[in-house]
């Protein structure tokens, strides 16, 4: 509905700092500055200036800021009105789907409850798993899509959405097809001794933090390498390219054709569930309550 660069501009103006704006937008300060430069070049206007007390707006920037805020509000109202009009004529659940968070588990559930939602349709909405942008995608639950099925005990994610737990996935290990362990049907934890195990860094997932602490305490022979808090294809590529072992999941066995995912003799697992907005629409809330009854 509007130039996406305006989001960076408004955030910088509100924060008075490229660094603080970068934290909110989950990108680097350099990336924020590039977006502001691109907007200024696009408009052929100088919008910001550096001062000892932080970033301030120029007179032209003040005008753009005021009108951009109005445009944001108008866009939200327009989208809300359009969704309301659409719901009257075409009742649809918009389901997010991606490589690491595929819609298939939802489809399996839907065909168990769709009789309770006569006239409703499903529309799959693809989104990007990139770890730098995933939080923006999760924030759009309720706007871009209504629900998605995700593996989640991320504190950051769960500050942005609700989750209806549906089950647990086993933790497994992925290795390159050329790795010495690739032909094994099942791994013992001692098979990982002397290897470098890639897993999400400490601090966001209680499940992964517990696994990390347990491995460090009882199996110090395993070297642990931090990955970003959220996996994306670059993490799977690094596993394939380095010969490291990746702590993965049974539901990700087909994510990367160059990797083999093998079960391990341990009890590690993680919850997955239906993610939905903190302020869900009535039909989404009814779906959640229906799924709770069959869970």
C-alpha atoms as a PDB file:
ATOM      1  CA  UNK A   1       0.000   0.000   0.000  1.00  0.00           C
ATOM      2  CA  UNK A   2       2.997   2.318   0.440  1.00  0.00           C
ATOM      3  CA  UNK A   3       6.726   2.523  -0.183  1.00  0.00           C
ATOM      4  CA  UNK A   4       8.346   0.049   2.246  1.00  0.00           C
ATOM      5  CA  UNK A   5      11.262   2.453   2.790  1.00  0.00           C
ATOM      6  CA  UNK A   6       8.897   4.684   4.732  1.00  0.00           C
ATOM      7  CA  UNK A   7       8.830   2.099   7.527  1.00  0.00           C
ATOM      8  CA  UNK A   8      12.551   2.574   8.112  1.00  0.00           C
ATOM      9  CA  UNK A   9      12.175   6.349   7.892  1.00  0.00           C
ATOM     10  CA  UNK A  10       9.338   6.480  10.451  1.00  0.00           C
ATOM     11  CA  UNK A  11      11.223   4.162  12.813  1.00  0.00           C
ATOM     12  CA  UNK A  12      14.404   6.277  12.625  1.00  0.00           C
ATOM     13  CA  UNK A  13      12.387   9.444  13.208  1.00  0.00           C
ATOM     14  CA  UNK A  14      10.637   7.950  16.236  1.00  0.00           C
ATOM     15  CA  UNK A  15      13.860   6.535  17.723  1.00  0.00           C
ATOM     16  CA  UNK A  16      16.196   9.367  16.806  1.00  0.00           C
ATOM     17  CA  UNK A  17      18.870   6.755  16.141  1.00  0.00           C
ATOM     18  CA  UNK A  18      19.883   4.369  13.358  1.00  0.00           C
ATOM     19  CA  UNK A  19      21.047   1.829  15.938  1.00  0.00           C
ATOM     20  CA  UNK A  20      17.803   1.818  17.937  1.00  0.00           C
ATOM     21  CA  UNK A  21      15.778   1.669  14.729  1.00  0.00           C
ATOM     22  CA  UNK A  22      17.861  -1.301  13.568  1.00  0.00           C
ATOM     23  CA  UNK A  23      17.032  -3.196  16.770  1.00  0.00           C
ATOM     24  CA  UNK A  24      13.308  -2.669  16.202  1.00  0.00           C
ATOM     25  CA  UNK A  25      13.499  -3.597  12.503  1.00  0.00           C
ATOM     26  CA  UNK A  26      15.814  -6.605  13.123  1.00  0.00           C
ATOM     27  CA  UNK A  27      18.334  -5.427  10.533  1.00  0.00           C
ATOM     28  CA  UNK A  28      21.767  -3.823  10.814  1.00  0.00           C
ATOM     29  CA  UNK A  29      22.285  -0.064  11.328  1.00  0.00           C
ATOM     30  CA  UNK A  30      24.060  -0.016   7.950  1.00  0.00           C
ATOM     31  CA  UNK A  31      20.989  -1.500   6.298  1.00  0.00           C
ATOM     32  CA  UNK A  32      18.802   1.158   7.950  1.00  0.00           C
ATOM     33  CA  UNK A  33      21.077   3.944   6.668  1.00  0.00           C
ATOM     34  CA  UNK A  34      20.976   2.456   3.152  1.00  0.00           C
ATOM     35  CA  UNK A  35      17.167   2.452   3.239  1.00  0.00           C
ATOM     36  CA  UNK A  36      17.072   6.105   4.344  1.00  0.00           C
ATOM     37  CA  UNK A  37      19.564   7.014   1.592  1.00  0.00           C
ATOM     38  CA  UNK A  38      17.463   5.140  -0.961  1.00  0.00           C
ATOM     39  CA  UNK A  39      14.319   6.976   0.139  1.00  0.00           C
ATOM     40  CA  UNK A  40      16.072  10.359  -0.009  1.00  0.00           C
ATOM     41  CA  UNK A  41      17.445   9.559  -3.488  1.00  0.00           C
ATOM     42  CA  UNK A  42      14.011   8.380  -4.618  1.00  0.00           C
ATOM     43  CA  UNK A  43      12.334  11.584  -3.405  1.00  0.00           C
ATOM     44  CA  UNK A  44      15.317  13.839  -4.235  1.00  0.00           C
ATOM     45  CA  UNK A  45      14.955  15.325  -0.745  1.00  0.00           C
ATOM     46  CA  UNK A  46      17.149  15.514   2.347  1.00  0.00           C
ATOM     47  CA  UNK A  47      15.001  14.081   5.138  1.00  0.00           C
ATOM     48  CA  UNK A  48      17.368  13.581   8.091  1.00  0.00           C
ATOM     49  CA  UNK A  49      20.383  15.204   9.671  1.00  0.00           C
ATOM     50  CA  UNK A  50      22.850  14.124  12.351  1.00  0.00           C
ATOM     51  CA  UNK A  51      23.022  16.223  15.542  1.00  0.00           C
ATOM     52  CA  UNK A  52      24.897  15.743  18.833  1.00  0.00           C
ATOM     53  CA  UNK A  53      21.644  14.532  20.382  1.00  0.00           C
ATOM     54  CA  UNK A  54      20.831  12.051  17.580  1.00  0.00           C
ATOM     55  CA  UNK A  55      19.063  11.927  14.240  1.00  0.00           C
ATOM     56  CA  UNK A  56      16.679  14.817  13.585  1.00  0.00           C
ATOM     57  CA  UNK A  57      14.335  15.538  10.695  1.00  0.00           C
ATOM     58  CA  UNK A  58      14.834  18.343   8.199  1.00  0.00           C
ATOM     59  CA  UNK A  59      11.835  20.571   7.391  1.00  0.00           C
ATOM     60  CA  UNK A  60      11.196  18.331   4.364  1.00  0.00           C
ATOM     61  CA  UNK A  61      11.503  15.297   6.619  1.00  0.00           C
ATOM     62  CA  UNK A  62       8.896  16.718   9.008  1.00  0.00           C
ATOM     63  CA  UNK A  63       6.396  17.010   6.141  1.00  0.00           C
ATOM     64  CA  UNK A  64       7.088  13.486   4.856  1.00  0.00           C
ATOM     65  CA  UNK A  65       6.891  12.107   8.405  1.00  0.00           C
ATOM     66  CA  UNK A  66       3.479  13.656   9.061  1.00  0.00           C
ATOM     67  CA  UNK A  67       2.029  12.517   5.742  1.00  0.00           C
ATOM     68  CA  UNK A  68       3.594   9.058   6.011  1.00  0.00           C
ATOM     69  CA  UNK A  69       1.963   8.505   9.400  1.00  0.00           C
ATOM     70  CA  UNK A  70      -1.363   9.450   7.860  1.00  0.00           C
ATOM     71  CA  UNK A  71      -0.683   7.086   4.944  1.00  0.00           C
ATOM     72  CA  UNK A  72       0.133   4.213   7.332  1.00  0.00           C
ATOM     73  CA  UNK A  73      -3.134   4.711   9.232  1.00  0.00           C
ATOM     74  CA  UNK A  74      -5.097   5.043   6.018  1.00  0.00           C
ATOM     75  CA  UNK A  75      -3.517   1.862   4.629  1.00  0.00           C
ATOM     76  CA  UNK A  76      -4.412  -0.111   7.759  1.00  0.00           C
ATOM     77  CA  UNK A  77      -7.995   1.087   7.601  1.00  0.00           C
ATOM     78  CA  UNK A  78      -8.163   0.298   3.906  1.00  0.00           C
ATOM     79  CA  UNK A  79      -6.876  -3.234   4.445  1.00  0.00           C
ATOM     80  CA  UNK A  80      -9.263  -3.766   7.349  1.00  0.00           C
ATOM     81  CA  UNK A  81     -12.196  -2.568   5.248  1.00  0.00           C
ATOM     82  CA  UNK A  82     -11.133  -4.766   2.354  1.00  0.00           C
ATOM     83  CA  UNK A  83     -10.868  -7.804   4.635  1.00  0.00           C
ATOM     84  CA  UNK A  84     -14.297  -7.075   6.048  1.00  0.00           C
ATOM     85  CA  UNK A  85     -15.767  -6.829   2.561  1.00  0.00           C
ATOM     86  CA  UNK A  86     -14.023 -10.024   1.544  1.00  0.00           C
ATOM     87  CA  UNK A  87     -15.287 -11.924   4.580  1.00  0.00           C
ATOM     88  CA  UNK A  88     -18.860 -11.095   3.637  1.00  0.00           C
ATOM     89  CA  UNK A  89     -18.501 -12.507   0.135  1.00  0.00           C
ATOM     90  CA  UNK A  90     -15.778 -15.135   0.487  1.00  0.00           C
ATOM     91  CA  UNK A  91     -14.975 -16.817   3.798  1.00  0.00           C
ATOM     92  CA  UNK A  92     -11.342 -17.872   3.614  1.00  0.00           C
ATOM     93  CA  UNK A  93      -8.606 -19.030   5.975  1.00  0.00           C
ATOM     94  CA  UNK A  94      -5.218 -17.716   4.871  1.00  0.00           C
ATOM     95  CA  UNK A  95      -2.576 -20.277   5.836  1.00  0.00           C
ATOM     96  CA  UNK A  96       1.119 -19.402   5.856  1.00  0.00           C
ATOM     97  CA  UNK A  97       3.513 -21.929   4.359  1.00  0.00           C
ATOM     98  CA  UNK A  98       7.277 -22.061   3.910  1.00  0.00           C
ATOM     99  CA  UNK A  99      10.078 -24.577   3.495  1.00  0.00           C
ATOM    100  CA  UNK A 100      10.654 -24.966   7.259  1.00  0.00           C
ATOM    101  CA  UNK A 101       7.030 -24.352   8.279  1.00  0.00           C
ATOM    102  CA  UNK A 102       4.987 -26.199   5.635  1.00  0.00           C
ATOM    103  CA  UNK A 103       1.192 -26.096   5.606  1.00  0.00           C
ATOM    104  CA  UNK A 104       0.728 -29.881   5.270  1.00  0.00           C
ATOM    105  CA  UNK A 105       0.208 -30.515   9.029  1.00  0.00           C
ATOM    106  CA  UNK A 106      -2.543 -27.900   8.965  1.00  0.00           C
ATOM    107  CA  UNK A 107      -4.149 -29.506   5.912  1.00  0.00           C
ATOM    108  CA  UNK A 108      -4.283 -32.841   7.749  1.00  0.00           C
ATOM    109  CA  UNK A 109      -6.110 -31.121  10.639  1.00  0.00           C
ATOM    110  CA  UNK A 110      -8.378 -29.106   8.384  1.00  0.00           C
ATOM    111  CA  UNK A 111      -9.919 -32.170   6.784  1.00  0.00           C
ATOM    112  CA  UNK A 112     -10.903 -33.360  10.256  1.00  0.00           C
ATOM    113  CA  UNK A 113     -12.771 -30.152  11.137  1.00  0.00           C
ATOM    114  CA  UNK A 114     -13.829 -28.574   7.828  1.00  0.00           C
ATOM    115  CA  UNK A 115     -17.371 -29.913   8.254  1.00  0.00           C
ATOM    116  CA  UNK A 116     -17.686 -27.375  11.091  1.00  0.00           C
ATOM    117  CA  UNK A 117     -16.836 -24.535   8.678  1.00  0.00           C
ATOM    118  CA  UNK A 118     -19.209 -24.915   5.725  1.00  0.00           C
ATOM    119  CA  UNK A 119     -18.470 -22.527   2.880  1.00  0.00           C
ATOM    120  CA  UNK A 120     -14.940 -21.759   4.043  1.00  0.00           C
ATOM    121  CA  UNK A 121     -11.987 -22.022   1.684  1.00  0.00           C
ATOM    122  CA  UNK A 122      -8.235 -22.273   2.270  1.00  0.00           C
ATOM    123  CA  UNK A 123      -5.684 -20.027   0.612  1.00  0.00           C
ATOM    124  CA  UNK A 124      -1.978 -20.844   1.045  1.00  0.00           C
ATOM    125  CA  UNK A 125       0.292 -17.828   1.482  1.00  0.00           C
ATOM    126  CA  UNK A 126       4.027 -18.487   0.966  1.00  0.00           C
ATOM    127  CA  UNK A 127       6.523 -16.646   3.143  1.00  0.00           C
ATOM    128  CA  UNK A 128      10.290 -16.501   3.544  1.00  0.00           C
ATOM    129  CA  UNK A 129      12.156 -18.373   6.301  1.00  0.00           C
ATOM    130  CA  UNK A 130      15.157 -16.010   6.187  1.00  0.00           C
ATOM    131  CA  UNK A 131      16.276 -15.634   9.815  1.00  0.00           C
ATOM    132  CA  UNK A 132      16.633 -11.855   9.435  1.00  0.00           C
ATOM    133  CA  UNK A 133      13.056 -11.430   8.235  1.00  0.00           C
ATOM    134  CA  UNK A 134      11.118 -14.188   9.968  1.00  0.00           C
ATOM    135  CA  UNK A 135      10.065 -11.961  12.893  1.00  0.00           C
ATOM    136  CA  UNK A 136       8.471  -9.535  10.451  1.00  0.00           C
ATOM    137  CA  UNK A 137       6.544 -12.451   8.937  1.00  0.00           C
ATOM    138  CA  UNK A 138       5.358 -13.683  12.348  1.00  0.00           C
ATOM    139  CA  UNK A 139       4.230 -10.146  13.163  1.00  0.00           C
ATOM    140  CA  UNK A 140       1.902 -10.287  10.146  1.00  0.00           C
ATOM    141  CA  UNK A 141      -0.237 -13.073  11.565  1.00  0.00           C
ATOM    142  CA  UNK A 142      -3.753 -11.709  11.369  1.00  0.00           C
ATOM    143  CA  UNK A 143      -2.875  -9.548   8.355  1.00  0.00           C
ATOM    144  CA  UNK A 144      -0.858 -11.416   5.734  1.00  0.00           C
ATOM    145  CA  UNK A 145      -2.154 -14.789   6.898  1.00  0.00           C
ATOM    146  CA  UNK A 146      -4.431 -16.110   9.634  1.00  0.00           C
ATOM    147  CA  UNK A 147      -2.491 -19.125  10.886  1.00  0.00           C
ATOM    148  CA  UNK A 148       0.554 -21.253  10.270  1.00  0.00           C
ATOM    149  CA  UNK A 149       1.959 -24.450  11.716  1.00  0.00           C
ATOM    150  CA  UNK A 150       5.370 -23.892  13.259  1.00  0.00           C
ATOM    151  CA  UNK A 151       7.984 -25.494  15.468  1.00  0.00           C
ATOM    152  CA  UNK A 152       8.125 -22.991  18.265  1.00  0.00           C
ATOM    153  CA  UNK A 153       9.181 -22.416  21.819  1.00  0.00           C
ATOM    154  CA  UNK A 154      10.940 -19.198  20.841  1.00  0.00           C
ATOM    155  CA  UNK A 155      10.370 -16.503  23.446  1.00  0.00           C
ATOM    156  CA  UNK A 156      10.688 -13.837  20.758  1.00  0.00           C
ATOM    157  CA  UNK A 157       8.114 -15.520  18.502  1.00  0.00           C
ATOM    158  CA  UNK A 158       5.687 -16.100  21.363  1.00  0.00           C
ATOM    159  CA  UNK A 159       5.777 -12.403  22.252  1.00  0.00           C
ATOM    160  CA  UNK A 160       4.307 -11.790  18.799  1.00  0.00           C
ATOM    161  CA  UNK A 161       1.684 -14.533  18.534  1.00  0.00           C
ATOM    162  CA  UNK A 162      -0.289 -17.217  20.327  1.00  0.00           C
ATOM    163  CA  UNK A 163       0.389 -20.920  19.878  1.00  0.00           C
ATOM    164  CA  UNK A 164      -1.979 -23.872  20.232  1.00  0.00           C
ATOM    165  CA  UNK A 165       0.338 -26.850  20.985  1.00  0.00           C
ATOM    166  CA  UNK A 166      -0.378 -29.794  18.699  1.00  0.00           C
ATOM    167  CA  UNK A 167       2.468 -32.222  19.364  1.00  0.00           C
ATOM    168  CA  UNK A 168       6.217 -32.678  19.462  1.00  0.00           C
ATOM    169  CA  UNK A 169       8.860 -33.411  16.851  1.00  0.00           C
ATOM    170  CA  UNK A 170      11.913 -35.535  17.643  1.00  0.00           C
ATOM    171  CA  UNK A 171      15.294 -33.870  17.540  1.00  0.00           C
ATOM    172  CA  UNK A 172      17.530 -35.579  14.987  1.00  0.00           C
ATOM    173  CA  UNK A 173      20.924 -34.934  13.387  1.00  0.00           C
ATOM    174  CA  UNK A 174      21.531 -33.912   9.783  1.00  0.00           C
ATOM    175  CA  UNK A 175      24.850 -34.641   8.079  1.00  0.00           C
ATOM    176  CA  UNK A 176      26.272 -34.323   4.594  1.00  0.00           C
ATOM    177  CA  UNK A 177      25.718 -37.377   2.394  1.00  0.00           C
ATOM    178  CA  UNK A 178      29.526 -37.720   2.323  1.00  0.00           C
ATOM    179  CA  UNK A 179      29.880 -37.645   6.126  1.00  0.00           C
ATOM    180  CA  UNK A 180      31.235 -40.735   7.906  1.00  0.00           C
ATOM    181  CA  UNK A 181      27.922 -41.098   9.771  1.00  0.00           C
ATOM    182  CA  UNK A 182      25.657 -40.694   6.738  1.00  0.00           C
ATOM    183  CA  UNK A 183      25.020 -44.422   6.210  1.00  0.00           C
ATOM    184  CA  UNK A 184      23.979 -45.106   9.799  1.00  0.00           C
ATOM    185  CA  UNK A 185      20.300 -45.875  10.407  1.00  0.00           C
ATOM    186  CA  UNK A 186      20.476 -44.546  13.971  1.00  0.00           C
ATOM    187  CA  UNK A 187      23.133 -42.664  15.905  1.00  0.00           C
ATOM    188  CA  UNK A 188      24.405 -43.163  19.413  1.00  0.00           C
ATOM    189  CA  UNK A 189      25.291 -39.981  21.212  1.00  0.00           C
ATOM    190  CA  UNK A 190      28.878 -41.201  21.374  1.00  0.00           C
ATOM    191  CA  UNK A 191      28.942 -41.092  17.551  1.00  0.00           C
ATOM    192  CA  UNK A 192      28.949 -37.318  17.923  1.00  0.00           C
ATOM    193  CA  UNK A 193      32.116 -37.266  20.032  1.00  0.00           C
ATOM    194  CA  UNK A 194      34.854 -35.226  18.379  1.00  0.00           C
ATOM    195  CA  UNK A 195      32.338 -33.679  15.980  1.00  0.00           C
ATOM    196  CA  UNK A 196      31.117 -30.095  15.718  1.00  0.00           C
ATOM    197  CA  UNK A 197      27.367 -29.903  16.399  1.00  0.00           C
ATOM    198  CA  UNK A 198      25.527 -26.863  15.045  1.00  0.00           C
ATOM    199  CA  UNK A 199      22.554 -25.637  17.096  1.00  0.00           C
ATOM    200  CA  UNK A 200      20.779 -22.362  17.883  1.00  0.00           C
ATOM    201  CA  UNK A 201      22.621 -20.066  20.214  1.00  0.00           C
ATOM    202  CA  UNK A 202      21.625 -19.809  23.863  1.00  0.00           C
ATOM    203  CA  UNK A 203      18.902 -17.544  25.171  1.00  0.00           C
ATOM    204  CA  UNK A 204      15.687 -17.796  23.161  1.00  0.00           C
ATOM    205  CA  UNK A 205      14.492 -21.414  23.362  1.00  0.00           C
ATOM    206  CA  UNK A 206      14.161 -23.221  26.699  1.00  0.00           C
ATOM    207  CA  UNK A 207      14.165 -26.572  24.877  1.00  0.00           C
ATOM    208  CA  UNK A 208      17.367 -25.892  22.980  1.00  0.00           C
ATOM    209  CA  UNK A 209      18.996 -24.323  26.030  1.00  0.00           C
ATOM    210  CA  UNK A 210      18.231 -27.498  28.010  1.00  0.00           C
ATOM    211  CA  UNK A 211      19.722 -29.687  25.261  1.00  0.00           C
ATOM    212  CA  UNK A 212      22.824 -27.514  25.067  1.00  0.00           C
ATOM    213  CA  UNK A 213      23.339 -27.569  28.855  1.00  0.00           C
ATOM    214  CA  UNK A 214      22.785 -31.336  28.993  1.00  0.00           C
ATOM    215  CA  UNK A 215      25.286 -32.003  26.210  1.00  0.00           C
ATOM    216  CA  UNK A 216      27.899 -29.706  27.735  1.00  0.00           C
ATOM    217  CA  UNK A 217      27.539 -31.315  31.137  1.00  0.00           C
ATOM    218  CA  UNK A 218      27.387 -34.993  30.165  1.00  0.00           C
ATOM    219  CA  UNK A 219      29.037 -35.044  26.738  1.00  0.00           C
ATOM    220  CA  UNK A 220      31.773 -32.392  26.650  1.00  0.00           C
ATOM    221  CA  UNK A 221      33.459 -34.360  23.848  1.00  0.00           C
ATOM    222  CA  UNK A 222      30.939 -32.755  21.467  1.00  0.00           C
ATOM    223  CA  UNK A 223      31.900 -29.292  20.203  1.00  0.00           C
ATOM    224  CA  UNK A 224      28.941 -26.941  19.858  1.00  0.00           C
ATOM    225  CA  UNK A 225      28.777 -24.248  17.182  1.00  0.00           C
ATOM    226  CA  UNK A 226      26.191 -21.467  17.483  1.00  0.00           C
ATOM    227  CA  UNK A 227      23.738 -20.773  14.685  1.00  0.00           C
ATOM    228  CA  UNK A 228      21.277 -17.847  14.567  1.00  0.00           C
ATOM    229  CA  UNK A 229      18.218 -18.238  16.803  1.00  0.00           C
ATOM    230  CA  UNK A 230      16.126 -19.141  13.760  1.00  0.00           C
ATOM    231  CA  UNK A 231      17.237 -21.609  11.092  1.00  0.00           C
ATOM    232  CA  UNK A 232      17.046 -20.769   7.414  1.00  0.00           C
ATOM    233  CA  UNK A 233      18.546 -22.359   4.300  1.00  0.00           C
ATOM    234  CA  UNK A 234      21.952 -20.791   4.969  1.00  0.00           C
ATOM    235  CA  UNK A 235      22.249 -22.954   8.115  1.00  0.00           C
ATOM    236  CA  UNK A 236      21.523 -26.145   6.161  1.00  0.00           C
ATOM    237  CA  UNK A 237      23.968 -25.038   3.454  1.00  0.00           C
ATOM    238  CA  UNK A 238      26.708 -24.511   6.046  1.00  0.00           C
ATOM    239  CA  UNK A 239      26.122 -28.005   7.405  1.00  0.00           C
ATOM    240  CA  UNK A 240      26.458 -29.481   3.914  1.00  0.00           C
ATOM    241  CA  UNK A 241      29.540 -27.420   3.048  1.00  0.00           C
ATOM    242  CA  UNK A 242      31.543 -27.792   6.278  1.00  0.00           C
ATOM    243  CA  UNK A 243      30.947 -31.427   7.207  1.00  0.00           C
ATOM    244  CA  UNK A 244      29.547 -30.331  10.574  1.00  0.00           C
ATOM    245  CA  UNK A 245      26.531 -32.023  12.160  1.00  0.00           C
ATOM    246  CA  UNK A 246      23.297 -30.049  12.449  1.00  0.00           C
ATOM    247  CA  UNK A 247      20.771 -30.496  15.261  1.00  0.00           C
ATOM    248  CA  UNK A 248      17.631 -30.833  13.160  1.00  0.00           C
ATOM    249  CA  UNK A 249      14.081 -32.198  13.309  1.00  0.00           C
ATOM    250  CA  UNK A 250      12.218 -35.161  11.907  1.00  0.00           C
ATOM    251  CA  UNK A 251       9.949 -32.781   9.952  1.00  0.00           C
ATOM    252  CA  UNK A 252      12.955 -31.267   8.124  1.00  0.00           C
ATOM    253  CA  UNK A 253      14.277 -34.471   6.563  1.00  0.00           C
ATOM    254  CA  UNK A 254      13.678 -33.245   3.007  1.00  0.00           C
ATOM    255  CA  UNK A 255      14.693 -29.597   3.406  1.00  0.00           C
ATOM    256  CA  UNK A 256      18.165 -29.984   1.849  1.00  0.00           C
ATOM    257  CA  UNK A 257      18.900 -32.658  -0.779  1.00  0.00           C
ATOM    258  CA  UNK A 258      22.569 -32.769   0.188  1.00  0.00           C
ATOM    259  CA  UNK A 259      21.850 -33.785   3.790  1.00  0.00           C
ATOM    260  CA  UNK A 260      20.756 -36.996   5.483  1.00  0.00           C
ATOM    261  CA  UNK A 261      18.699 -36.692   8.671  1.00  0.00           C
ATOM    262  CA  UNK A 262      19.280 -39.501  11.179  1.00  0.00           C
ATOM    263  CA  UNK A 263      17.498 -40.345  14.462  1.00  0.00           C
ATOM    264  CA  UNK A 264      19.589 -40.394  17.647  1.00  0.00           C
ATOM    265  CA  UNK A 265      19.306 -42.514  20.779  1.00  0.00           C
ATOM    266  CA  UNK A 266      18.122 -39.677  22.987  1.00  0.00           C
ATOM    267  CA  UNK A 267      14.783 -38.293  24.163  1.00  0.00           C
ATOM    268  CA  UNK A 268      15.166 -34.742  22.886  1.00  0.00           C
ATOM    269  CA  UNK A 269      12.101 -33.231  21.202  1.00  0.00           C
ATOM    270  CA  UNK A 270      10.447 -29.857  20.702  1.00  0.00           C
ATOM    271  CA  UNK A 271       6.839 -28.679  20.542  1.00  0.00           C
ATOM    272  CA  UNK A 272       5.040 -27.538  17.420  1.00  0.00           C
ATOM    273  CA  UNK A 273       1.647 -25.989  17.049  1.00  0.00           C
ATOM    274  CA  UNK A 274      -0.768 -23.618  15.396  1.00  0.00           C
ATOM    275  CA  UNK A 275       0.462 -20.018  15.483  1.00  0.00           C
ATOM    276  CA  UNK A 276      -2.115 -17.240  15.301  1.00  0.00           C
ATOM    277  CA  UNK A 277      -2.446 -13.530  16.033  1.00  0.00           C
ATOM    278  CA  UNK A 278      -2.465 -12.033  19.513  1.00  0.00           C
ATOM    279  CA  UNK A 279      -5.759 -10.432  18.423  1.00  0.00           C
ATOM    280  CA  UNK A 280      -7.356 -13.123  16.268  1.00  0.00           C
ATOM    281  CA  UNK A 281     -10.443 -12.613  14.157  1.00  0.00           C
ATOM    282  CA  UNK A 282     -13.587 -14.366  15.365  1.00  0.00           C
ATOM    283  CA  UNK A 283     -13.431 -17.098  12.719  1.00  0.00           C
ATOM    284  CA  UNK A 284      -9.777 -17.821  13.594  1.00  0.00           C
ATOM    285  CA  UNK A 285     -10.606 -18.054  17.299  1.00  0.00           C
ATOM    286  CA  UNK A 286     -13.441 -20.449  16.471  1.00  0.00           C
ATOM    287  CA  UNK A 287     -11.010 -22.577  14.454  1.00  0.00           C
ATOM    288  CA  UNK A 288      -8.550 -22.647  17.370  1.00  0.00           C
ATOM    289  CA  UNK A 289     -11.275 -23.748  19.800  1.00  0.00           C
ATOM    290  CA  UNK A 290     -12.424 -26.452  17.377  1.00  0.00           C
ATOM    291  CA  UNK A 291      -8.879 -27.796  17.013  1.00  0.00           C
ATOM    292  CA  UNK A 292      -8.462 -27.778  20.804  1.00  0.00           C
ATOM    293  CA  UNK A 293     -11.344 -30.229  21.070  1.00  0.00           C
ATOM    294  CA  UNK A 294      -9.792 -32.787  18.700  1.00  0.00           C
ATOM    295  CA  UNK A 295      -6.163 -32.287  19.742  1.00  0.00           C
END
